[in-house]
Amino acid sequence: MSVELELSDSLAKTTYVPSESLLEKWSLSIFQQQSIENAEFFIRVVDKSESQELNKEYRDKDAPTNVLAFPLGAPDYVVPRTLGDLVICAEIVEAEAKAQDKSLDAHWAHMVVHGVLHLLGFDHIDDDQASQMESLEVEVMQGLGFANPYE
């Protein structure tokens, strides 16, 4: 399993970004839960401007967002299984963590868990899908030692 991390050049040097080893640890917990071996994906950490640009281009939403998932859709038999790309806006994650009175690591872990589940095909478009996805997120987060992110 591997996670490749890239930081946007425009990202403020004071912005917190977890280490690749933490990102891998959080991701591995999802892969274990879903019985996935030998998978990889890419994380690009961006500022609000780049997040807004991507959100507008790919989702027709003219605002920055915390995490965007771009699944690759490669067949399961391709090894390693390349899942796709996550784009995480560090500034949004930091602001949300503060507003929700959560630690930065707890909220970052949640964004990684949430994003990887999207890469695996999970969604929250309707209530049933949202309930299933949130249940998986809570299980993984608690397994990592974090509180339920939805409480």
N, C-alpha and C. Protein backbone atom coordinates (compact mmCIF):
# COMPACT_ATOMS: atom_id res chain seq x y z
N MET A 1 0.84 -1.16 0.00
CA MET A 1 0.00 0.00 0.00
C MET A 1 0.89 1.22 0.00
N SER A 2 0.54 2.19 -0.82
CA SER A 2 1.33 3.40 -0.81
C SER A 2 0.45 4.62 -1.05
N VAL A 3 0.88 5.70 -0.42
CA VAL A 3 0.24 6.99 -0.58
C VAL A 3 1.33 7.94 -1.03
N GLU A 4 1.09 8.66 -2.10
CA GLU A 4 2.04 9.66 -2.55
C GLU A 4 1.46 11.02 -2.24
N LEU A 5 2.26 11.88 -1.63
CA LEU A 5 1.81 13.19 -1.19
C LEU A 5 2.51 14.27 -1.99
N GLU A 6 1.73 15.26 -2.43
CA GLU A 6 2.28 16.42 -3.12
C GLU A 6 1.65 17.67 -2.52
N LEU A 7 2.48 18.66 -2.23
CA LEU A 7 2.00 19.92 -1.68
C LEU A 7 2.02 20.99 -2.77
N SER A 8 0.94 21.74 -2.86
CA SER A 8 0.87 22.84 -3.81
C SER A 8 1.94 23.87 -3.46
N ASP A 9 2.54 24.47 -4.48
CA ASP A 9 3.55 25.52 -4.26
C ASP A 9 2.97 26.73 -3.56
N SER A 10 1.68 26.97 -3.74
CA SER A 10 1.04 28.16 -3.16
C SER A 10 0.58 27.94 -1.71
N LEU A 11 0.77 26.74 -1.20
CA LEU A 11 0.34 26.44 0.16
C LEU A 11 1.21 27.19 1.16
N ALA A 12 0.59 27.86 2.12
CA ALA A 12 1.34 28.62 3.13
C ALA A 12 2.22 27.66 3.94
N LYS A 13 3.42 28.08 4.21
CA LYS A 13 4.37 27.24 4.96
C LYS A 13 3.91 26.98 6.39
N THR A 14 3.00 27.79 6.88
CA THR A 14 2.50 27.63 8.25
C THR A 14 1.31 26.67 8.33
N THR A 15 0.82 26.22 7.19
CA THR A 15 -0.34 25.34 7.16
C THR A 15 0.07 23.93 7.56
N TYR A 16 -0.69 23.32 8.47
CA TYR A 16 -0.39 21.97 8.95
C TYR A 16 -0.80 20.94 7.90
N VAL A 17 0.12 20.02 7.61
CA VAL A 17 -0.15 18.88 6.75
C VAL A 17 0.45 17.66 7.45
N PRO A 18 -0.34 16.61 7.66
CA PRO A 18 0.18 15.40 8.31
C PRO A 18 1.30 14.75 7.47
N SER A 19 2.11 13.97 8.12
CA SER A 19 3.19 13.26 7.44
C SER A 19 2.61 12.16 6.54
N GLU A 20 3.41 11.73 5.57
CA GLU A 20 2.99 10.62 4.71
C GLU A 20 2.72 9.37 5.52
N SER A 21 3.50 9.16 6.59
CA SER A 21 3.30 7.95 7.40
C SER A 21 1.95 7.98 8.11
N LEU A 22 1.52 9.16 8.57
CA LEU A 22 0.18 9.26 9.17
C LEU A 22 -0.90 9.04 8.12
N LEU A 23 -0.73 9.64 6.96
CA LEU A 23 -1.71 9.48 5.88
C LEU A 23 -1.82 8.00 5.50
N GLU A 24 -0.69 7.32 5.44
CA GLU A 24 -0.70 5.88 5.12
C GLU A 24 -1.39 5.08 6.22
N LYS A 25 -1.12 5.43 7.47
CA LYS A 25 -1.74 4.73 8.61
C LYS A 25 -3.26 4.86 8.54
N TRP A 26 -3.75 6.07 8.31
CA TRP A 26 -5.19 6.28 8.25
C TRP A 26 -5.80 5.55 7.06
N SER A 27 -5.11 5.56 5.93
CA SER A 27 -5.59 4.87 4.73
C SER A 27 -5.59 3.37 4.91
N LEU A 28 -4.53 2.85 5.52
CA LEU A 28 -4.41 1.41 5.71
C LEU A 28 -5.59 0.86 6.51
N SER A 29 -6.08 1.63 7.46
CA SER A 29 -7.20 1.16 8.27
C SER A 29 -8.46 0.94 7.41
N ILE A 30 -8.65 1.76 6.39
CA ILE A 30 -9.79 1.57 5.49
C ILE A 30 -9.56 0.34 4.64
N PHE A 31 -8.35 0.20 4.13
CA PHE A 31 -8.03 -0.95 3.29
C PHE A 31 -8.21 -2.25 4.06
N GLN A 32 -7.80 -2.25 5.32
CA GLN A 32 -7.99 -3.45 6.14
C GLN A 32 -9.47 -3.73 6.34
N GLN A 33 -10.24 -2.69 6.64
CA GLN A 33 -11.67 -2.85 6.85
C GLN A 33 -12.36 -3.40 5.60
N GLN A 34 -11.92 -2.96 4.44
CA GLN A 34 -12.53 -3.36 3.17
C GLN A 34 -11.82 -4.55 2.52
N SER A 35 -10.87 -5.15 3.23
CA SER A 35 -10.09 -6.31 2.74
C SER A 35 -9.44 -6.02 1.39
N ILE A 36 -8.77 -4.87 1.32
CA ILE A 36 -8.07 -4.47 0.10
C ILE A 36 -6.57 -4.56 0.35
N GLU A 37 -5.90 -5.24 -0.55
CA GLU A 37 -4.44 -5.36 -0.45
C GLU A 37 -3.80 -4.69 -1.66
N ASN A 38 -2.62 -4.18 -1.45
CA ASN A 38 -1.79 -3.66 -2.52
C ASN A 38 -2.49 -2.58 -3.35
N ALA A 39 -2.88 -1.51 -2.69
CA ALA A 39 -3.53 -0.39 -3.36
C ALA A 39 -2.68 0.86 -3.19
N GLU A 40 -2.88 1.80 -4.09
CA GLU A 40 -2.16 3.06 -4.00
C GLU A 40 -3.06 4.19 -4.46
N PHE A 41 -2.75 5.39 -3.98
CA PHE A 41 -3.44 6.58 -4.43
C PHE A 41 -2.56 7.79 -4.16
N PHE A 42 -2.97 8.91 -4.67
CA PHE A 42 -2.19 10.13 -4.64
C PHE A 42 -2.99 11.19 -3.88
N ILE A 43 -2.32 11.95 -3.01
CA ILE A 43 -2.97 13.07 -2.32
C ILE A 43 -2.24 14.36 -2.70
N ARG A 44 -2.99 15.32 -3.17
CA ARG A 44 -2.44 16.66 -3.42
C ARG A 44 -3.09 17.60 -2.41
N VAL A 45 -2.27 18.30 -1.65
CA VAL A 45 -2.76 19.26 -0.67
C VAL A 45 -2.65 20.65 -1.29
N VAL A 46 -3.79 21.35 -1.28
CA VAL A 46 -3.89 22.62 -1.99
C VAL A 46 -4.40 23.73 -1.08
N ASP A 47 -4.37 24.96 -1.60
CA ASP A 47 -4.95 26.11 -0.91
C ASP A 47 -6.40 26.30 -1.38
N LYS A 48 -7.07 27.29 -0.80
CA LYS A 48 -8.48 27.53 -1.13
C LYS A 48 -8.69 27.86 -2.60
N SER A 49 -7.79 28.62 -3.16
CA SER A 49 -7.94 29.04 -4.55
C SER A 49 -7.94 27.84 -5.49
N GLU A 50 -6.99 26.93 -5.33
CA GLU A 50 -6.93 25.76 -6.19
C GLU A 50 -8.11 24.83 -5.94
N SER A 51 -8.52 24.69 -4.68
CA SER A 51 -9.67 23.86 -4.35
C SER A 51 -10.93 24.40 -5.04
N GLN A 52 -11.11 25.70 -4.98
CA GLN A 52 -12.28 26.32 -5.62
C GLN A 52 -12.25 26.12 -7.13
N GLU A 53 -11.07 26.29 -7.72
CA GLU A 53 -10.94 26.12 -9.17
C GLU A 53 -11.30 24.69 -9.59
N LEU A 54 -10.80 23.70 -8.87
CA LEU A 54 -11.10 22.30 -9.19
C LEU A 54 -12.57 21.96 -8.93
N ASN A 55 -13.11 22.48 -7.82
CA ASN A 55 -14.51 22.21 -7.49
C ASN A 55 -15.43 22.80 -8.56
N LYS A 56 -15.08 23.99 -9.04
CA LYS A 56 -15.88 24.62 -10.09
C LYS A 56 -15.78 23.84 -11.40
N GLU A 57 -14.56 23.45 -11.76
CA GLU A 57 -14.35 22.76 -13.03
C GLU A 57 -14.99 21.38 -13.06
N TYR A 58 -14.87 20.63 -11.96
CA TYR A 58 -15.32 19.23 -11.98
C TYR A 58 -16.67 18.98 -11.32
N ARG A 59 -17.14 19.93 -10.50
CA ARG A 59 -18.42 19.70 -9.83
C ARG A 59 -19.41 20.85 -10.02
N ASP A 60 -19.03 21.84 -10.80
CA ASP A 60 -19.87 23.02 -11.04
C ASP A 60 -20.27 23.73 -9.75
N LYS A 61 -19.37 23.71 -8.78
CA LYS A 61 -19.61 24.41 -7.51
C LYS A 61 -18.50 25.43 -7.33
N ASP A 62 -18.85 26.69 -7.33
CA ASP A 62 -17.87 27.78 -7.30
C ASP A 62 -17.52 28.16 -5.87
N ALA A 63 -16.93 27.21 -5.15
CA ALA A 63 -16.50 27.44 -3.77
C ALA A 63 -15.44 26.40 -3.43
N PRO A 64 -14.53 26.74 -2.55
CA PRO A 64 -13.56 25.73 -2.12
C PRO A 64 -14.25 24.67 -1.28
N THR A 65 -13.65 23.50 -1.21
CA THR A 65 -14.21 22.41 -0.42
C THR A 65 -13.09 21.67 0.29
N ASN A 66 -13.44 20.88 1.29
CA ASN A 66 -12.42 20.21 2.10
C ASN A 66 -11.69 19.09 1.35
N VAL A 67 -12.43 18.22 0.65
CA VAL A 67 -11.79 17.11 -0.06
C VAL A 67 -12.53 16.81 -1.36
N LEU A 68 -11.76 16.56 -2.39
CA LEU A 68 -12.30 16.13 -3.68
C LEU A 68 -11.67 14.78 -4.01
N ALA A 69 -12.48 13.87 -4.51
CA ALA A 69 -11.99 12.54 -4.88
C ALA A 69 -12.14 12.36 -6.39
N PHE A 70 -11.08 11.87 -7.00
CA PHE A 70 -11.07 11.60 -8.43
C PHE A 70 -10.71 10.13 -8.63
N PRO A 71 -11.72 9.24 -8.58
CA PRO A 71 -11.45 7.81 -8.74
C PRO A 71 -10.90 7.51 -10.14
N LEU A 72 -9.95 6.61 -10.20
CA LEU A 72 -9.36 6.23 -11.47
C LEU A 72 -10.24 5.23 -12.21
N GLY A 73 -10.87 4.34 -11.47
CA GLY A 73 -11.73 3.35 -12.10
C GLY A 73 -10.98 2.22 -12.76
N ALA A 74 -9.75 1.97 -12.32
CA ALA A 74 -8.98 0.85 -12.88
C ALA A 74 -9.60 -0.47 -12.43
N PRO A 75 -9.52 -1.50 -13.26
CA PRO A 75 -10.06 -2.81 -12.87
C PRO A 75 -9.38 -3.35 -11.61
N ASP A 76 -10.12 -4.11 -10.82
CA ASP A 76 -9.61 -4.64 -9.56
C ASP A 76 -8.40 -5.56 -9.74
N TYR A 77 -8.27 -6.17 -10.91
CA TYR A 77 -7.17 -7.12 -11.12
C TYR A 77 -5.83 -6.41 -11.39
N VAL A 78 -5.85 -5.10 -11.61
CA VAL A 78 -4.60 -4.36 -11.82
C VAL A 78 -3.88 -4.25 -10.47
N VAL A 79 -2.63 -4.70 -10.43
CA VAL A 79 -1.87 -4.69 -9.18
C VAL A 79 -0.61 -3.87 -9.38
N PRO A 80 -0.31 -2.89 -8.49
CA PRO A 80 -1.17 -2.52 -7.38
C PRO A 80 -2.43 -1.82 -7.88
N ARG A 81 -3.47 -1.94 -7.09
CA ARG A 81 -4.75 -1.33 -7.44
C ARG A 81 -4.62 0.19 -7.27
N THR A 82 -4.61 0.92 -8.36
CA THR A 82 -4.49 2.37 -8.31
C THR A 82 -5.89 2.96 -8.21
N LEU A 83 -6.16 3.59 -7.07
CA LEU A 83 -7.52 4.07 -6.78
C LEU A 83 -7.84 5.40 -7.43
N GLY A 84 -6.86 6.31 -7.49
CA GLY A 84 -7.11 7.63 -8.04
C GLY A 84 -6.43 8.69 -7.21
N ASP A 85 -7.02 9.88 -7.20
CA ASP A 85 -6.42 11.04 -6.54
C ASP A 85 -7.39 11.67 -5.55
N LEU A 86 -6.82 12.15 -4.45
CA LEU A 86 -7.56 12.99 -3.50
C LEU A 86 -6.93 14.38 -3.55
N VAL A 87 -7.75 15.40 -3.50
CA VAL A 87 -7.28 16.76 -3.37
C VAL A 87 -7.87 17.28 -2.07
N ILE A 88 -6.99 17.66 -1.15
CA ILE A 88 -7.45 18.12 0.17
C ILE A 88 -7.00 19.56 0.36
N CYS A 89 -7.94 20.40 0.76
CA CYS A 89 -7.64 21.81 1.02
C CYS A 89 -7.29 21.98 2.49
N ALA A 90 -6.00 22.19 2.75
CA ALA A 90 -5.50 22.28 4.12
C ALA A 90 -6.16 23.43 4.90
N GLU A 91 -6.37 24.55 4.23
CA GLU A 91 -6.97 25.70 4.91
C GLU A 91 -8.40 25.41 5.37
N ILE A 92 -9.17 24.73 4.52
CA ILE A 92 -10.55 24.39 4.87
C ILE A 92 -10.55 23.38 6.01
N VAL A 93 -9.71 22.36 5.91
CA VAL A 93 -9.64 21.34 6.97
C VAL A 93 -9.28 21.98 8.30
N GLU A 94 -8.32 22.89 8.29
CA GLU A 94 -7.92 23.57 9.52
C GLU A 94 -9.05 24.42 10.09
N ALA A 95 -9.74 25.16 9.23
CA ALA A 95 -10.86 26.01 9.69
C ALA A 95 -12.00 25.16 10.23
N GLU A 96 -12.31 24.05 9.55
CA GLU A 96 -13.38 23.17 10.02
C GLU A 96 -13.01 22.53 11.36
N ALA A 97 -11.77 22.10 11.51
CA ALA A 97 -11.34 21.49 12.78
C ALA A 97 -11.52 22.48 13.92
N LYS A 98 -11.12 23.70 13.70
CA LYS A 98 -11.26 24.73 14.73
C LYS A 98 -12.74 24.99 15.04
N ALA A 99 -13.56 25.15 14.00
CA ALA A 99 -14.99 25.43 14.18
C ALA A 99 -15.71 24.28 14.88
N GLN A 100 -15.26 23.03 14.63
CA GLN A 100 -15.89 21.85 15.21
C GLN A 100 -15.20 21.40 16.49
N ASP A 101 -14.23 22.18 16.95
CA ASP A 101 -13.48 21.88 18.17
C ASP A 101 -12.87 20.47 18.14
N LYS A 102 -12.21 20.16 17.01
CA LYS A 102 -11.55 18.86 16.83
C LYS A 102 -10.05 19.11 16.68
N SER A 103 -9.27 18.10 16.98
CA SER A 103 -7.83 18.21 16.72
C SER A 103 -7.61 18.19 15.21
N LEU A 104 -6.52 18.78 14.78
CA LEU A 104 -6.20 18.77 13.35
C LEU A 104 -6.05 17.34 12.84
N ASP A 105 -5.36 16.49 13.59
CA ASP A 105 -5.18 15.11 13.15
C ASP A 105 -6.51 14.38 13.04
N ALA A 106 -7.41 14.61 13.97
CA ALA A 106 -8.72 13.93 13.92
C ALA A 106 -9.47 14.35 12.66
N HIS A 107 -9.45 15.62 12.35
CA HIS A 107 -10.20 16.07 11.17
C HIS A 107 -9.49 15.66 9.88
N TRP A 108 -8.17 15.73 9.86
CA TRP A 108 -7.43 15.26 8.69
C TRP A 108 -7.70 13.76 8.46
N ALA A 109 -7.65 12.98 9.53
CA ALA A 109 -7.91 11.54 9.40
C ALA A 109 -9.30 11.32 8.80
N HIS A 110 -10.28 12.08 9.28
CA HIS A 110 -11.63 11.94 8.76
C HIS A 110 -11.69 12.29 7.27
N MET A 111 -11.00 13.34 6.86
CA MET A 111 -11.02 13.72 5.44
C MET A 111 -10.37 12.64 4.57
N VAL A 112 -9.30 12.03 5.08
CA VAL A 112 -8.64 10.95 4.33
C VAL A 112 -9.56 9.74 4.26
N VAL A 113 -10.14 9.36 5.37
CA VAL A 113 -11.06 8.22 5.40
C VAL A 113 -12.23 8.47 4.46
N HIS A 114 -12.83 9.64 4.56
CA HIS A 114 -13.97 10.01 3.71
C HIS A 114 -13.57 9.97 2.23
N GLY A 115 -12.43 10.59 1.92
CA GLY A 115 -11.98 10.65 0.54
C GLY A 115 -11.66 9.28 -0.04
N VAL A 116 -10.98 8.43 0.73
CA VAL A 116 -10.63 7.10 0.24
C VAL A 116 -11.89 6.27 0.01
N LEU A 117 -12.87 6.41 0.88
CA LEU A 117 -14.13 5.69 0.65
C LEU A 117 -14.77 6.14 -0.67
N HIS A 118 -14.67 7.42 -0.99
CA HIS A 118 -15.16 7.88 -2.30
C HIS A 118 -14.36 7.22 -3.43
N LEU A 119 -13.05 7.11 -3.26
CA LEU A 119 -12.22 6.45 -4.28
C LEU A 119 -12.63 4.99 -4.46
N LEU A 120 -13.13 4.38 -3.38
CA LEU A 120 -13.57 2.98 -3.43
C LEU A 120 -15.00 2.82 -3.93
N GLY A 121 -15.64 3.95 -4.27
CA GLY A 121 -16.98 3.87 -4.85
C GLY A 121 -18.12 4.18 -3.90
N PHE A 122 -17.82 4.51 -2.66
CA PHE A 122 -18.88 4.86 -1.71
C PHE A 122 -19.29 6.31 -1.95
N ASP A 123 -20.56 6.62 -1.64
CA ASP A 123 -21.05 7.98 -1.83
C ASP A 123 -22.12 8.29 -0.78
N HIS A 124 -22.58 9.52 -0.79
CA HIS A 124 -23.61 9.95 0.17
C HIS A 124 -24.68 10.76 -0.54
N ILE A 125 -25.01 10.31 -1.75
CA ILE A 125 -26.00 11.03 -2.56
C ILE A 125 -27.40 10.90 -1.97
N ASP A 126 -27.77 9.70 -1.53
CA ASP A 126 -29.08 9.53 -0.90
C ASP A 126 -28.89 9.08 0.54
N ASP A 127 -29.98 9.04 1.29
CA ASP A 127 -29.92 8.75 2.73
C ASP A 127 -29.33 7.37 3.03
N ASP A 128 -29.70 6.36 2.25
CA ASP A 128 -29.18 5.01 2.49
C ASP A 128 -27.67 4.95 2.26
N GLN A 129 -27.20 5.56 1.17
CA GLN A 129 -25.77 5.59 0.89
C GLN A 129 -25.03 6.39 1.97
N ALA A 130 -25.59 7.50 2.37
CA ALA A 130 -24.97 8.34 3.39
C ALA A 130 -24.85 7.59 4.70
N SER A 131 -25.90 6.88 5.06
CA SER A 131 -25.89 6.11 6.31
C SER A 131 -24.82 5.03 6.28
N GLN A 132 -24.71 4.32 5.16
CA GLN A 132 -23.70 3.26 5.02
C GLN A 132 -22.29 3.85 5.08
N MET A 133 -22.07 4.94 4.36
CA MET A 133 -20.75 5.54 4.32
C MET A 133 -20.36 6.10 5.68
N GLU A 134 -21.26 6.80 6.32
CA GLU A 134 -20.98 7.37 7.65
C GLU A 134 -20.69 6.27 8.66
N SER A 135 -21.41 5.17 8.59
CA SER A 135 -21.17 4.05 9.50
C SER A 135 -19.75 3.50 9.32
N LEU A 136 -19.32 3.35 8.09
CA LEU A 136 -17.95 2.89 7.82
C LEU A 136 -16.93 3.89 8.33
N GLU A 137 -17.19 5.18 8.12
CA GLU A 137 -16.28 6.23 8.59
C GLU A 137 -16.14 6.19 10.11
N VAL A 138 -17.26 6.09 10.80
CA VAL A 138 -17.25 6.05 12.27
C VAL A 138 -16.45 4.84 12.76
N GLU A 139 -16.68 3.69 12.15
CA GLU A 139 -15.97 2.47 12.54
C GLU A 139 -14.46 2.62 12.37
N VAL A 140 -14.04 3.15 11.23
CA VAL A 140 -12.61 3.34 10.98
C VAL A 140 -12.03 4.38 11.93
N MET A 141 -12.71 5.49 12.09
CA MET A 141 -12.20 6.55 12.98
C MET A 141 -12.06 6.05 14.41
N GLN A 142 -13.04 5.31 14.90
CA GLN A 142 -12.95 4.79 16.26
C GLN A 142 -11.84 3.77 16.38
N GLY A 143 -11.62 2.97 15.33
CA GLY A 143 -10.51 2.02 15.31
C GLY A 143 -9.17 2.71 15.36
N LEU A 144 -9.11 3.93 14.86
CA LEU A 144 -7.89 4.74 14.90
C LEU A 144 -7.73 5.50 16.22
N GLY A 145 -8.74 5.40 17.09
CA GLY A 145 -8.68 6.08 18.38
C GLY A 145 -9.29 7.47 18.39
N PHE A 146 -10.02 7.80 17.33
CA PHE A 146 -10.68 9.11 17.25
C PHE A 146 -12.17 8.97 17.57
N ALA A 147 -12.77 10.05 17.98
CA ALA A 147 -14.20 10.06 18.28
C ALA A 147 -15.02 10.01 16.98
N ASN A 148 -16.30 9.70 17.15
CA ASN A 148 -17.24 9.73 16.02
C ASN A 148 -17.18 11.14 15.41
N PRO A 149 -16.81 11.26 14.14
CA PRO A 149 -16.68 12.58 13.54
C PRO A 149 -18.00 13.30 13.30
N TYR A 150 -19.11 12.58 13.45
CA TYR A 150 -20.42 13.18 13.21
C TYR A 150 -21.13 13.60 14.49
N GLU A 151 -20.48 13.44 15.60
CA GLU A 151 -21.10 13.88 16.87
C GLU A 151 -20.62 15.26 17.25
